[in-house]
Amino acid sequence: MAKQDDFIIIINKKKKHNSITLIFFTIIAFIAIFIPLLGSTIRYQASFFFQNIFNIFGSICKLAGMVMIGFTFLAILANHKIYTKSLLFGAFLIWIGCFLTYTPFTLFGITLGGLQPPIGYH
């Protein structure tokens, strides 16, 4: 008979798979199989997705800039004190919004945002 002190320990020494190796082979398989077949459509879908995001963010920036400049002009009329920081920040928000949405905005003869004209003959 076996005594209480005798313990049998079985150690399973199988190699564990490295998760980094699995991720690497998955990326290689994706590049080798999926990209040659559908790579161009993925590019156009991703660009359309990001164009919508930038368009929404640009519209929000333009709206926030116009509201900030409007409230600053009202504050100038009410307090007779000029708030240059808020005016500049509002103009900066309008510039960022026009740049992201490709809409030109002319302020004192200076075109802000929008598409730039092509270089060369016009």
PDB file of N, CA and C in Angstrom:
ATOM      1  N   MET A   1       0.811  -1.175   0.000  1.00  0.00           N
ATOM      2  CA  MET A   1       0.000   0.000   0.000  1.00  0.00           C
ATOM      3  C   MET A   1       0.862   1.249   0.000  1.00  0.00           C
ATOM      4  N   ALA A   2       0.274   2.289  -0.578  1.00  0.00           N
ATOM      5  CA  ALA A   2       0.992   3.565  -0.657  1.00  0.00           C
ATOM      6  C   ALA A   2       0.760   4.347   0.616  1.00  0.00           C
ATOM      7  N   LYS A   3       1.802   5.039   1.000  1.00  0.00           N
ATOM      8  CA  LYS A   3       1.713   5.872   2.184  1.00  0.00           C
ATOM      9  C   LYS A   3       1.114   7.222   1.815  1.00  0.00           C
ATOM     10  N   GLN A   4       0.728   7.947   2.816  1.00  0.00           N
ATOM     11  CA  GLN A   4       0.151   9.276   2.602  1.00  0.00           C
ATOM     12  C   GLN A   4       1.179  10.257   2.014  1.00  0.00           C
ATOM     13  N   ASP A   5       2.446  10.016   2.247  1.00  0.00           N
ATOM     14  CA  ASP A   5       3.482  10.948   1.798  1.00  0.00           C
ATOM     15  C   ASP A   5       3.825  10.790   0.325  1.00  0.00           C
ATOM     16  N   ASP A   6       3.407   9.713  -0.299  1.00  0.00           N
ATOM     17  CA  ASP A   6       3.741   9.491  -1.703  1.00  0.00           C
ATOM     18  C   ASP A   6       2.743  10.229  -2.598  1.00  0.00           C
ATOM     19  N   PHE A   7       3.249  11.197  -3.330  1.00  0.00           N
ATOM     20  CA  PHE A   7       2.431  11.954  -4.272  1.00  0.00           C
ATOM     21  C   PHE A   7       2.971  11.739  -5.674  1.00  0.00           C
ATOM     22  N   ILE A   8       2.089  11.586  -6.583  1.00  0.00           N
ATOM     23  CA  ILE A   8       2.491  11.452  -7.977  1.00  0.00           C
ATOM     24  C   ILE A   8       2.136  12.761  -8.675  1.00  0.00           C
ATOM     25  N   ILE A   9       3.135  13.401  -9.218  1.00  0.00           N
ATOM     26  CA  ILE A   9       2.935  14.669  -9.910  1.00  0.00           C
ATOM     27  C   ILE A   9       3.208  14.438 -11.383  1.00  0.00           C
ATOM     28  N   ILE A  10       2.224  14.734 -12.185  1.00  0.00           N
ATOM     29  CA  ILE A  10       2.372  14.600 -13.631  1.00  0.00           C
ATOM     30  C   ILE A  10       2.445  16.004 -14.207  1.00  0.00           C
ATOM     31  N   ILE A  11       3.513  16.273 -14.892  1.00  0.00           N
ATOM     32  CA  ILE A  11       3.720  17.589 -15.491  1.00  0.00           C
ATOM     33  C   ILE A  11       3.567  17.439 -16.996  1.00  0.00           C
ATOM     34  N   ASN A  12       2.655  18.198 -17.536  1.00  0.00           N
ATOM     35  CA  ASN A  12       2.421  18.200 -18.977  1.00  0.00           C
ATOM     36  C   ASN A  12       3.320  19.265 -19.585  1.00  0.00           C
ATOM     37  N   LYS A  13       4.312  18.864 -20.354  1.00  0.00           N
ATOM     38  CA  LYS A  13       5.290  19.809 -20.889  1.00  0.00           C
ATOM     39  C   LYS A  13       5.068  20.048 -22.381  1.00  0.00           C
ATOM     40  N   LYS A  14       3.821  20.268 -22.762  1.00  0.00           N
ATOM     41  CA  LYS A  14       3.549  20.635 -24.149  1.00  0.00           C
ATOM     42  C   LYS A  14       3.928  22.093 -24.351  1.00  0.00           C
ATOM     43  N   LYS A  15       4.395  22.415 -25.549  1.00  0.00           N
ATOM     44  CA  LYS A  15       4.766  23.789 -25.846  1.00  0.00           C
ATOM     45  C   LYS A  15       3.506  24.616 -26.048  1.00  0.00           C
ATOM     46  N   LYS A  16       3.506  25.783 -25.486  1.00  0.00           N
ATOM     47  CA  LYS A  16       2.400  26.701 -25.685  1.00  0.00           C
ATOM     48  C   LYS A  16       2.635  27.483 -26.980  1.00  0.00           C
ATOM     49  N   HIS A  17       1.551  27.780 -27.693  1.00  0.00           N
ATOM     50  CA  HIS A  17       1.664  28.574 -28.903  1.00  0.00           C
ATOM     51  C   HIS A  17       1.847  30.033 -28.524  1.00  0.00           C
ATOM     52  N   ASN A  18       2.751  30.658 -29.212  1.00  0.00           N
ATOM     53  CA  ASN A  18       3.009  32.065 -28.966  1.00  0.00           C
ATOM     54  C   ASN A  18       1.946  32.897 -29.676  1.00  0.00           C
ATOM     55  N   SER A  19       1.288  33.773 -28.957  1.00  0.00           N
ATOM     56  CA  SER A  19       0.208  34.562 -29.553  1.00  0.00           C
ATOM     57  C   SER A  19       0.741  35.567 -30.576  1.00  0.00           C
ATOM     58  N   ILE A  20       1.952  36.034 -30.403  1.00  0.00           N
ATOM     59  CA  ILE A  20       2.531  36.978 -31.366  1.00  0.00           C
ATOM     60  C   ILE A  20       2.750  36.294 -32.707  1.00  0.00           C
ATOM     61  N   THR A  21       3.172  35.046 -32.686  1.00  0.00           N
ATOM     62  CA  THR A  21       3.365  34.298 -33.925  1.00  0.00           C
ATOM     63  C   THR A  21       2.036  34.098 -34.645  1.00  0.00           C
ATOM     64  N   LEU A  22       0.984  33.807 -33.904  1.00  0.00           N
ATOM     65  CA  LEU A  22      -0.335  33.633 -34.490  1.00  0.00           C
ATOM     66  C   LEU A  22      -0.840  34.934 -35.120  1.00  0.00           C
ATOM     67  N   ILE A  23      -0.633  36.041 -34.438  1.00  0.00           N
ATOM     68  CA  ILE A  23      -1.039  37.344 -34.982  1.00  0.00           C
ATOM     69  C   ILE A  23      -0.247  37.664 -36.245  1.00  0.00           C
ATOM     70  N   PHE A  24       1.044  37.368 -36.232  1.00  0.00           N
ATOM     71  CA  PHE A  24       1.892  37.625 -37.399  1.00  0.00           C
ATOM     72  C   PHE A  24       1.426  36.824 -38.606  1.00  0.00           C
ATOM     73  N   PHE A  25       1.159  35.534 -38.420  1.00  0.00           N
ATOM     74  CA  PHE A  25       0.695  34.708 -39.535  1.00  0.00           C
ATOM     75  C   PHE A  25      -0.696  35.119 -40.017  1.00  0.00           C
ATOM     76  N   THR A  26      -1.542  35.618 -39.126  1.00  0.00           N
ATOM     77  CA  THR A  26      -2.855  36.111 -39.529  1.00  0.00           C
ATOM     78  C   THR A  26      -2.713  37.349 -40.403  1.00  0.00           C
ATOM     79  N   ILE A  27      -1.829  38.255 -40.043  1.00  0.00           N
ATOM     80  CA  ILE A  27      -1.596  39.454 -40.848  1.00  0.00           C
ATOM     81  C   ILE A  27      -1.031  39.086 -42.213  1.00  0.00           C
ATOM     82  N   ILE A  28      -0.101  38.150 -42.256  1.00  0.00           N
ATOM     83  CA  ILE A  28       0.476  37.707 -43.535  1.00  0.00           C
ATOM     84  C   ILE A  28      -0.595  37.069 -44.413  1.00  0.00           C
ATOM     85  N   ALA A  29      -1.462  36.253 -43.828  1.00  0.00           N
ATOM     86  CA  ALA A  29      -2.540  35.629 -44.598  1.00  0.00           C
ATOM     87  C   ALA A  29      -3.516  36.680 -45.118  1.00  0.00           C
ATOM     88  N   PHE A  30      -3.817  37.689 -44.310  1.00  0.00           N
ATOM     89  CA  PHE A  30      -4.705  38.767 -44.740  1.00  0.00           C
ATOM     90  C   PHE A  30      -4.098  39.520 -45.913  1.00  0.00           C
ATOM     91  N   ILE A  31      -2.816  39.816 -45.822  1.00  0.00           N
ATOM     92  CA  ILE A  31      -2.144  40.548 -46.902  1.00  0.00           C
ATOM     93  C   ILE A  31      -2.071  39.697 -48.169  1.00  0.00           C
ATOM     94  N   ALA A  32      -1.805  38.414 -48.021  1.00  0.00           N
ATOM     95  CA  ALA A  32      -1.615  37.554 -49.192  1.00  0.00           C
ATOM     96  C   ALA A  32      -2.924  37.202 -49.894  1.00  0.00           C
ATOM     97  N   ILE A  33      -4.014  37.102 -49.155  1.00  0.00           N
ATOM     98  CA  ILE A  33      -5.270  36.626 -49.747  1.00  0.00           C
ATOM     99  C   ILE A  33      -6.259  37.766 -49.978  1.00  0.00           C
ATOM    100  N   PHE A  34      -6.509  38.564 -48.985  1.00  0.00           N
ATOM    101  CA  PHE A  34      -7.613  39.518 -49.040  1.00  0.00           C
ATOM    102  C   PHE A  34      -7.265  40.799 -49.788  1.00  0.00           C
ATOM    103  N   ILE A  35      -6.087  41.337 -49.571  1.00  0.00           N
ATOM    104  CA  ILE A  35      -5.704  42.622 -50.170  1.00  0.00           C
ATOM    105  C   ILE A  35      -5.646  42.567 -51.697  1.00  0.00           C
ATOM    106  N   PRO A  36      -5.063  41.551 -52.348  1.00  0.00           N
ATOM    107  CA  PRO A  36      -5.064  41.567 -53.820  1.00  0.00           C
ATOM    108  C   PRO A  36      -6.464  41.507 -54.439  1.00  0.00           C
ATOM    109  N   LEU A  37      -7.400  40.878 -53.744  1.00  0.00           N
ATOM    110  CA  LEU A  37      -8.740  40.755 -54.305  1.00  0.00           C
ATOM    111  C   LEU A  37      -9.595  41.991 -54.061  1.00  0.00           C
ATOM    112  N   LEU A  38      -9.559  42.537 -52.852  1.00  0.00           N
ATOM    113  CA  LEU A  38     -10.471  43.614 -52.483  1.00  0.00           C
ATOM    114  C   LEU A  38      -9.755  44.860 -51.962  1.00  0.00           C
ATOM    115  N   GLY A  39      -8.492  45.019 -52.271  1.00  0.00           N
ATOM    116  CA  GLY A  39      -7.724  46.135 -51.721  1.00  0.00           C
ATOM    117  C   GLY A  39      -8.189  47.501 -52.168  1.00  0.00           C
ATOM    118  N   SER A  40      -8.541  47.639 -53.437  1.00  0.00           N
ATOM    119  CA  SER A  40      -8.939  48.963 -53.923  1.00  0.00           C
ATOM    120  C   SER A  40     -10.289  49.378 -53.358  1.00  0.00           C
ATOM    121  N   THR A  41     -11.212  48.443 -53.196  1.00  0.00           N
ATOM    122  CA  THR A  41     -12.508  48.818 -52.619  1.00  0.00           C
ATOM    123  C   THR A  41     -12.381  49.166 -51.146  1.00  0.00           C
ATOM    124  N   ILE A  42     -11.475  48.520 -50.447  1.00  0.00           N
ATOM    125  CA  ILE A  42     -11.247  48.873 -49.039  1.00  0.00           C
ATOM    126  C   ILE A  42     -10.715  50.297 -48.948  1.00  0.00           C
ATOM    127  N   ARG A  43      -9.827  50.659 -49.867  1.00  0.00           N
ATOM    128  CA  ARG A  43      -9.263  52.011 -49.854  1.00  0.00           C
ATOM    129  C   ARG A  43     -10.349  53.051 -50.072  1.00  0.00           C
ATOM    130  N   TYR A  44     -11.236  52.830 -51.041  1.00  0.00           N
ATOM    131  CA  TYR A  44     -12.286  53.802 -51.315  1.00  0.00           C
ATOM    132  C   TYR A  44     -13.320  53.850 -50.191  1.00  0.00           C
ATOM    133  N   GLN A  45     -13.626  52.709 -49.597  1.00  0.00           N
ATOM    134  CA  GLN A  45     -14.576  52.708 -48.489  1.00  0.00           C
ATOM    135  C   GLN A  45     -13.996  53.424 -47.279  1.00  0.00           C
ATOM    136  N   ALA A  46     -12.709  53.205 -46.991  1.00  0.00           N
ATOM    137  CA  ALA A  46     -12.079  53.884 -45.860  1.00  0.00           C
ATOM    138  C   ALA A  46     -12.001  55.384 -46.099  1.00  0.00           C
ATOM    139  N   SER A  47     -11.678  55.791 -47.334  1.00  0.00           N
ATOM    140  CA  SER A  47     -11.590  57.230 -47.597  1.00  0.00           C
ATOM    141  C   SER A  47     -12.966  57.885 -47.523  1.00  0.00           C
ATOM    142  N   PHE A  48     -14.011  57.196 -47.979  1.00  0.00           N
ATOM    143  CA  PHE A  48     -15.362  57.741 -47.880  1.00  0.00           C
ATOM    144  C   PHE A  48     -15.790  57.862 -46.420  1.00  0.00           C
ATOM    145  N   PHE A  49     -15.423  56.874 -45.599  1.00  0.00           N
ATOM    146  CA  PHE A  49     -15.756  56.901 -44.169  1.00  0.00           C
ATOM    147  C   PHE A  49     -15.075  58.082 -43.478  1.00  0.00           C
ATOM    148  N   PHE A  50     -13.776  58.257 -43.727  1.00  0.00           N
ATOM    149  CA  PHE A  50     -13.060  59.353 -43.079  1.00  0.00           C
ATOM    150  C   PHE A  50     -13.474  60.713 -43.642  1.00  0.00           C
ATOM    151  N   GLN A  51     -13.869  60.773 -44.914  1.00  0.00           N
ATOM    152  CA  GLN A  51     -14.347  62.028 -45.480  1.00  0.00           C
ATOM    153  C   GLN A  51     -15.616  62.472 -44.768  1.00  0.00           C
ATOM    154  N   ASN A  52     -16.506  61.544 -44.466  1.00  0.00           N
ATOM    155  CA  ASN A  52     -17.721  61.899 -43.725  1.00  0.00           C
ATOM    156  C   ASN A  52     -17.401  62.370 -42.320  1.00  0.00           C
ATOM    157  N   ILE A  53     -16.462  61.708 -41.657  1.00  0.00           N
ATOM    158  CA  ILE A  53     -16.088  62.119 -40.297  1.00  0.00           C
ATOM    159  C   ILE A  53     -15.492  63.527 -40.314  1.00  0.00           C
ATOM    160  N   PHE A  54     -14.574  63.796 -41.252  1.00  0.00           N
ATOM    161  CA  PHE A  54     -13.958  65.112 -41.320  1.00  0.00           C
ATOM    162  C   PHE A  54     -14.971  66.180 -41.713  1.00  0.00           C
ATOM    163  N   ASN A  55     -15.924  65.830 -42.563  1.00  0.00           N
ATOM    164  CA  ASN A  55     -16.947  66.779 -42.960  1.00  0.00           C
ATOM    165  C   ASN A  55     -17.828  67.160 -41.767  1.00  0.00           C
ATOM    166  N   ILE A  56     -18.214  66.186 -40.971  1.00  0.00           N
ATOM    167  CA  ILE A  56     -19.029  66.463 -39.781  1.00  0.00           C
ATOM    168  C   ILE A  56     -18.235  67.297 -38.780  1.00  0.00           C
ATOM    169  N   PHE A  57     -16.980  66.922 -38.542  1.00  0.00           N
ATOM    170  CA  PHE A  57     -16.148  67.670 -37.587  1.00  0.00           C
ATOM    171  C   PHE A  57     -15.900  69.095 -38.080  1.00  0.00           C
ATOM    172  N   GLY A  58     -15.701  69.269 -39.393  1.00  0.00           N
ATOM    173  CA  GLY A  58     -15.504  70.604 -39.954  1.00  0.00           C
ATOM    174  C   GLY A  58     -16.751  71.460 -39.830  1.00  0.00           C
ATOM    175  N   SER A  59     -17.921  70.866 -40.044  1.00  0.00           N
ATOM    176  CA  SER A  59     -19.167  71.626 -39.900  1.00  0.00           C
ATOM    177  C   SER A  59     -19.373  72.069 -38.454  1.00  0.00           C
ATOM    178  N   ILE A  60     -19.034  71.201 -37.512  1.00  0.00           N
ATOM    179  CA  ILE A  60     -19.148  71.563 -36.095  1.00  0.00           C
ATOM    180  C   ILE A  60     -18.181  72.696 -35.757  1.00  0.00           C
ATOM    181  N   CYS A  61     -16.960  72.628 -36.297  1.00  0.00           N
ATOM    182  CA  CYS A  61     -15.981  73.698 -36.041  1.00  0.00           C
ATOM    183  C   CYS A  61     -16.441  75.027 -36.636  1.00  0.00           C
ATOM    184  N   LYS A  62     -16.989  74.994 -37.849  1.00  0.00           N
ATOM    185  CA  LYS A  62     -17.483  76.240 -38.451  1.00  0.00           C
ATOM    186  C   LYS A  62     -18.623  76.828 -37.632  1.00  0.00           C
ATOM    187  N   LEU A  63     -19.551  75.998 -37.212  1.00  0.00           N
ATOM    188  CA  LEU A  63     -20.675  76.477 -36.422  1.00  0.00           C
ATOM    189  C   LEU A  63     -20.204  77.048 -35.084  1.00  0.00           C
ATOM    190  N   ALA A  64     -19.290  76.351 -34.422  1.00  0.00           N
ATOM    191  CA  ALA A  64     -18.782  76.835 -33.132  1.00  0.00           C
ATOM    192  C   ALA A  64     -18.026  78.153 -33.305  1.00  0.00           C
ATOM    193  N   GLY A  65     -17.264  78.284 -34.388  1.00  0.00           N
ATOM    194  CA  GLY A  65     -16.538  79.523 -34.642  1.00  0.00           C
ATOM    195  C   GLY A  65     -17.462  80.694 -34.916  1.00  0.00           C
ATOM    196  N   MET A  66     -18.512  80.455 -35.696  1.00  0.00           N
ATOM    197  CA  MET A  66     -19.461  81.536 -35.972  1.00  0.00           C
ATOM    198  C   MET A  66     -20.222  81.951 -34.720  1.00  0.00           C
ATOM    199  N   VAL A  67     -20.603  80.983 -33.900  1.00  0.00           N
ATOM    200  CA  VAL A  67     -21.300  81.306 -32.646  1.00  0.00           C
ATOM    201  C   VAL A  67     -20.374  82.084 -31.717  1.00  0.00           C
ATOM    202  N   MET A  68     -19.105  81.663 -31.641  1.00  0.00           N
ATOM    203  CA  MET A  68     -18.163  82.351 -30.761  1.00  0.00           C
ATOM    204  C   MET A  68     -17.914  83.784 -31.225  1.00  0.00           C
ATOM    205  N   ILE A  69     -17.757  83.978 -32.511  1.00  0.00           N
ATOM    206  CA  ILE A  69     -17.552  85.341 -33.015  1.00  0.00           C
ATOM    207  C   ILE A  69     -18.810  86.185 -32.813  1.00  0.00           C
ATOM    208  N   GLY A  70     -19.983  85.599 -33.018  1.00  0.00           N
ATOM    209  CA  GLY A  70     -21.234  86.333 -32.793  1.00  0.00           C
ATOM    210  C   GLY A  70     -21.395  86.767 -31.352  1.00  0.00           C
ATOM    211  N   PHE A  71     -21.138  85.855 -30.408  1.00  0.00           N
ATOM    212  CA  PHE A  71     -21.240  86.228 -28.998  1.00  0.00           C
ATOM    213  C   PHE A  71     -20.165  87.238 -28.603  1.00  0.00           C
ATOM    214  N   THR A  72     -18.989  87.145 -29.230  1.00  0.00           N
ATOM    215  CA  THR A  72     -17.939  88.116 -28.933  1.00  0.00           C
ATOM    216  C   THR A  72     -18.325  89.508 -29.414  1.00  0.00           C
ATOM    217  N   PHE A  73     -18.930  89.613 -30.599  1.00  0.00           N
ATOM    218  CA  PHE A  73     -19.381  90.920 -31.081  1.00  0.00           C
ATOM    219  C   PHE A  73     -20.494  91.480 -30.195  1.00  0.00           C
ATOM    220  N   LEU A  74     -21.387  90.607 -29.734  1.00  0.00           N
ATOM    221  CA  LEU A  74     -22.429  91.073 -28.809  1.00  0.00           C
ATOM    222  C   LEU A  74     -21.826  91.549 -27.488  1.00  0.00           C
ATOM    223  N   ALA A  75     -20.800  90.842 -27.010  1.00  0.00           N
ATOM    224  CA  ALA A  75     -20.136  91.257 -25.776  1.00  0.00           C
ATOM    225  C   ALA A  75     -19.391  92.567 -25.966  1.00  0.00           C
ATOM    226  N   ILE A  76     -18.830  92.768 -27.157  1.00  0.00           N
ATOM    227  CA  ILE A  76     -18.142  94.036 -27.425  1.00  0.00           C
ATOM    228  C   ILE A  76     -19.150  95.186 -27.426  1.00  0.00           C
ATOM    229  N   LEU A  77     -20.307  94.966 -28.023  1.00  0.00           N
ATOM    230  CA  LEU A  77     -21.333  96.015 -28.035  1.00  0.00           C
ATOM    231  C   LEU A  77     -21.880  96.282 -26.634  1.00  0.00           C
ATOM    232  N   ALA A  78     -21.966  95.260 -25.811  1.00  0.00           N
ATOM    233  CA  ALA A  78     -22.534  95.439 -24.474  1.00  0.00           C
ATOM    234  C   ALA A  78     -21.523  96.034 -23.492  1.00  0.00           C
ATOM    235  N   ASN A  79     -20.273  95.576 -23.545  1.00  0.00           N
ATOM    236  CA  ASN A  79     -19.283  95.982 -22.541  1.00  0.00           C
ATOM    237  C   ASN A  79     -18.304  97.040 -23.036  1.00  0.00           C
ATOM    238  N   HIS A  80     -18.273  97.294 -24.324  1.00  0.00           N
ATOM    239  CA  HIS A  80     -17.307  98.222 -24.921  1.00  0.00           C
ATOM    240  C   HIS A  80     -15.872  97.798 -24.613  1.00  0.00           C
ATOM    241  N   LYS A  81     -15.664  96.493 -24.515  1.00  0.00           N
ATOM    242  CA  LYS A  81     -14.338  95.945 -24.270  1.00  0.00           C
ATOM    243  C   LYS A  81     -14.062  94.930 -25.377  1.00  0.00           C
ATOM    244  N   ILE A  82     -12.876  94.964 -25.964  1.00  0.00           N
ATOM    245  CA  ILE A  82     -12.560  94.098 -27.093  1.00  0.00           C
ATOM    246  C   ILE A  82     -11.922  92.811 -26.569  1.00  0.00           C
ATOM    247  N   TYR A  83     -12.509  91.683 -26.952  1.00  0.00           N
ATOM    248  CA  TYR A  83     -12.012  90.366 -26.555  1.00  0.00           C
ATOM    249  C   TYR A  83     -11.283  89.740 -27.746  1.00  0.00           C
ATOM    250  N   THR A  84      -9.980  89.983 -27.832  1.00  0.00           N
ATOM    251  CA  THR A  84      -9.223  89.528 -29.006  1.00  0.00           C
ATOM    252  C   THR A  84      -9.005  88.020 -29.006  1.00  0.00           C
ATOM    253  N   LYS A  85      -8.840  87.420 -27.830  1.00  0.00           N
ATOM    254  CA  LYS A  85      -8.584  85.976 -27.780  1.00  0.00           C
ATOM    255  C   LYS A  85      -9.772  85.188 -28.317  1.00  0.00           C
ATOM    256  N   SER A  86     -10.962  85.570 -27.932  1.00  0.00           N
ATOM    257  CA  SER A  86     -12.134  84.830 -28.406  1.00  0.00           C
ATOM    258  C   SER A  86     -12.395  85.099 -29.886  1.00  0.00           C
ATOM    259  N   LEU A  87     -12.093  86.312 -30.357  1.00  0.00           N
ATOM    260  CA  LEU A  87     -12.231  86.589 -31.788  1.00  0.00           C
ATOM    261  C   LEU A  87     -11.252  85.750 -32.604  1.00  0.00           C
ATOM    262  N   LEU A  88     -10.011  85.679 -32.153  1.00  0.00           N
ATOM    263  CA  LEU A  88      -9.013  84.884 -32.872  1.00  0.00           C
ATOM    264  C   LEU A  88      -9.326  83.394 -32.805  1.00  0.00           C
ATOM    265  N   PHE A  89      -9.809  82.934 -31.653  1.00  0.00           N
ATOM    266  CA  PHE A  89     -10.152  81.523 -31.532  1.00  0.00           C
ATOM    267  C   PHE A  89     -11.353  81.177 -32.409  1.00  0.00           C
ATOM    268  N   GLY A  90     -12.326  82.064 -32.491  1.00  0.00           N
ATOM    269  CA  GLY A  90     -13.462  81.850 -33.382  1.00  0.00           C
ATOM    270  C   GLY A  90     -13.035  81.811 -34.840  1.00  0.00           C
ATOM    271  N   ALA A  91     -12.143  82.727 -35.235  1.00  0.00           N
ATOM    272  CA  ALA A  91     -11.631  82.728 -36.606  1.00  0.00           C
ATOM    273  C   ALA A  91     -10.820  81.464 -36.886  1.00  0.00           C
ATOM    274  N   PHE A  92     -10.069  81.009 -35.888  1.00  0.00           N
ATOM    275  CA  PHE A  92      -9.302  79.774 -36.047  1.00  0.00           C
ATOM    276  C   PHE A  92     -10.233  78.569 -36.224  1.00  0.00           C
ATOM    277  N   LEU A  93     -11.323  78.515 -35.465  1.00  0.00           N
ATOM    278  CA  LEU A  93     -12.289  77.425 -35.623  1.00  0.00           C
ATOM    279  C   LEU A  93     -12.944  77.462 -37.002  1.00  0.00           C
ATOM    280  N   ILE A  94     -13.265  78.656 -37.490  1.00  0.00           N
ATOM    281  CA  ILE A  94     -13.837  78.769 -38.835  1.00  0.00           C
ATOM    282  C   ILE A  94     -12.829  78.311 -39.881  1.00  0.00           C
ATOM    283  N   TRP A  95     -11.569  78.683 -39.711  1.00  0.00           N
ATOM    284  CA  TRP A  95     -10.521  78.267 -40.651  1.00  0.00           C
ATOM    285  C   TRP A  95     -10.366  76.753 -40.663  1.00  0.00           C
ATOM    286  N   ILE A  96     -10.335  76.122 -39.489  1.00  0.00           N
ATOM    287  CA  ILE A  96     -10.225  74.659 -39.407  1.00  0.00           C
ATOM    288  C   ILE A  96     -11.442  74.008 -40.068  1.00  0.00           C
ATOM    289  N   GLY A  97     -12.633  74.528 -39.793  1.00  0.00           N
ATOM    290  CA  GLY A  97     -13.848  73.976 -40.383  1.00  0.00           C
ATOM    291  C   GLY A  97     -13.866  74.098 -41.894  1.00  0.00           C
ATOM    292  N   CYS A  98     -13.437  75.245 -42.412  1.00  0.00           N
ATOM    293  CA  CYS A  98     -13.399  75.428 -43.865  1.00  0.00           C
ATOM    294  C   CYS A  98     -12.352  74.528 -44.506  1.00  0.00           C
ATOM    295  N   PHE A  99     -11.253  74.327 -43.833  1.00  0.00           N
ATOM    296  CA  PHE A  99     -10.207  73.455 -44.353  1.00  0.00           C
ATOM    297  C   PHE A  99     -10.694  72.001 -44.419  1.00  0.00           C
ATOM    298  N   LEU A 100     -11.428  71.548 -43.401  1.00  0.00           N
ATOM    299  CA  LEU A 100     -11.881  70.157 -43.369  1.00  0.00           C
ATOM    300  C   LEU A 100     -13.050  69.889 -44.303  1.00  0.00           C
ATOM    301  N   THR A 101     -13.879  70.886 -44.577  1.00  0.00           N
ATOM    302  CA  THR A 101     -15.048  70.664 -45.432  1.00  0.00           C
ATOM    303  C   THR A 101     -14.832  71.145 -46.861  1.00  0.00           C
ATOM    304  N   TYR A 102     -13.672  71.680 -47.185  1.00  0.00           N
ATOM    305  CA  TYR A 102     -13.351  72.178 -48.522  1.00  0.00           C
ATOM    306  C   TYR A 102     -14.283  73.297 -48.970  1.00  0.00           C
ATOM    307  N   THR A 103     -14.736  74.116 -48.045  1.00  0.00           N
ATOM    308  CA  THR A 103     -15.569  75.257 -48.429  1.00  0.00           C
ATOM    309  C   THR A 103     -14.757  76.531 -48.237  1.00  0.00           C
ATOM    310  N   PRO A 104     -14.641  77.355 -49.269  1.00  0.00           N
ATOM    311  CA  PRO A 104     -13.878  78.601 -49.111  1.00  0.00           C
ATOM    312  C   PRO A 104     -14.674  79.633 -48.312  1.00  0.00           C
ATOM    313  N   PHE A 105     -13.978  80.403 -47.533  1.00  0.00           N
ATOM    314  CA  PHE A 105     -14.579  81.448 -46.714  1.00  0.00           C
ATOM    315  C   PHE A 105     -13.683  82.672 -46.833  1.00  0.00           C
ATOM    316  N   THR A 106     -14.208  83.767 -47.312  1.00  0.00           N
ATOM    317  CA  THR A 106     -13.417  84.974 -47.518  1.00  0.00           C
ATOM    318  C   THR A 106     -13.631  85.926 -46.354  1.00  0.00           C
ATOM    319  N   LEU A 107     -12.545  86.306 -45.707  1.00  0.00           N
ATOM    320  CA  LEU A 107     -12.586  87.229 -44.580  1.00  0.00           C
ATOM    321  C   LEU A 107     -11.605  88.357 -44.877  1.00  0.00           C
ATOM    322  N   PHE A 108     -12.128  89.548 -45.109  1.00  0.00           N
ATOM    323  CA  PHE A 108     -11.324  90.727 -45.431  1.00  0.00           C
ATOM    324  C   PHE A 108     -10.415  90.484 -46.634  1.00  0.00           C
ATOM    325  N   GLY A 109     -10.927  89.794 -47.639  1.00  0.00           N
ATOM    326  CA  GLY A 109     -10.163  89.541 -48.853  1.00  0.00           C
ATOM    327  C   GLY A 109      -9.220  88.366 -48.772  1.00  0.00           C
ATOM    328  N   ILE A 110      -9.168  87.691 -47.651  1.00  0.00           N
ATOM    329  CA  ILE A 110      -8.297  86.532 -47.485  1.00  0.00           C
ATOM    330  C   ILE A 110      -9.173  85.281 -47.538  1.00  0.00           C
ATOM    331  N   THR A 111      -8.863  84.372 -48.454  1.00  0.00           N
ATOM    332  CA  THR A 111      -9.645  83.147 -48.584  1.00  0.00           C
ATOM    333  C   THR A 111      -9.143  82.133 -47.571  1.00  0.00           C
ATOM    334  N   LEU A 112     -10.051  81.688 -46.713  1.00  0.00           N
ATOM    335  CA  LEU A 112      -9.721  80.694 -45.699  1.00  0.00           C
ATOM    336  C   LEU A 112     -10.308  79.355 -46.111  1.00  0.00           C
ATOM    337  N   GLY A 113      -9.506  78.308 -46.033  1.00  0.00           N
ATOM    338  CA  GLY A 113      -9.987  76.968 -46.344  1.00  0.00           C
ATOM    339  C   GLY A 113     -10.289  76.793 -47.811  1.00  0.00           C
ATOM    340  N   GLY A 114     -11.010  75.734 -48.128  1.00  0.00           N
ATOM    341  CA  GLY A 114     -11.382  75.463 -49.509  1.00  0.00           C
ATOM    342  C   GLY A 114     -10.258  74.795 -50.271  1.00  0.00           C
ATOM    343  N   LEU A 115     -10.555  74.432 -51.498  1.00  0.00           N
ATOM    344  CA  LEU A 115      -9.552  73.825 -52.363  1.00  0.00           C
ATOM    345  C   LEU A 115      -8.643  74.897 -52.932  1.00  0.00           C
ATOM    346  N   GLN A 116      -7.378  74.602 -52.984  1.00  0.00           N
ATOM    347  CA  GLN A 116      -6.414  75.537 -53.544  1.00  0.00           C
ATOM    348  C   GLN A 116      -6.427  75.412 -55.070  1.00  0.00           C
ATOM    349  N   PRO A 117      -6.218  76.512 -55.801  1.00  0.00           N
ATOM    350  CA  PRO A 117      -6.201  76.433 -57.260  1.00  0.00           C
ATOM    351  C   PRO A 117      -4.994  75.621 -57.728  1.00  0.00           C
ATOM    352  N   PRO A 118      -5.101  74.973 -58.885  1.00  0.00           N
ATOM    353  CA  PRO A 118      -3.969  74.181 -59.378  1.00  0.00           C
ATOM    354  C   PRO A 118      -2.796  75.088 -59.775  1.00  0.00           C
ATOM    355  N   ILE A 119      -1.614  74.560 -59.654  1.00  0.00           N
ATOM    356  CA  ILE A 119      -0.411  75.314 -59.993  1.00  0.00           C
ATOM    357  C   ILE A 119      -0.233  75.281 -61.515  1.00  0.00           C
ATOM    358  N   GLY A 120       0.107  76.397 -62.101  1.00  0.00           N
ATOM    359  CA  GLY A 120       0.313  76.454 -63.543  1.00  0.00           C
ATOM    360  C   GLY A 120      -0.617  77.470 -64.183  1.00  0.00           C
ATOM    361  N   TYR A 121      -0.948  77.225 -65.424  1.00  0.00           N
ATOM    362  CA  TYR A 121      -1.812  78.146 -66.155  1.00  0.00           C
ATOM    363  C   TYR A 121      -3.238  78.038 -65.630  1.00  0.00           C
ATOM    364  N   HIS A 122      -3.914  79.181 -65.522  1.00  0.00           N
ATOM    365  CA  HIS A 122      -5.306  79.215 -65.055  1.00  0.00           C
ATOM    366  C   HIS A 122      -6.207  79.639 -66.173  1.00  0.00           C
TER     367      HIS A 122
END
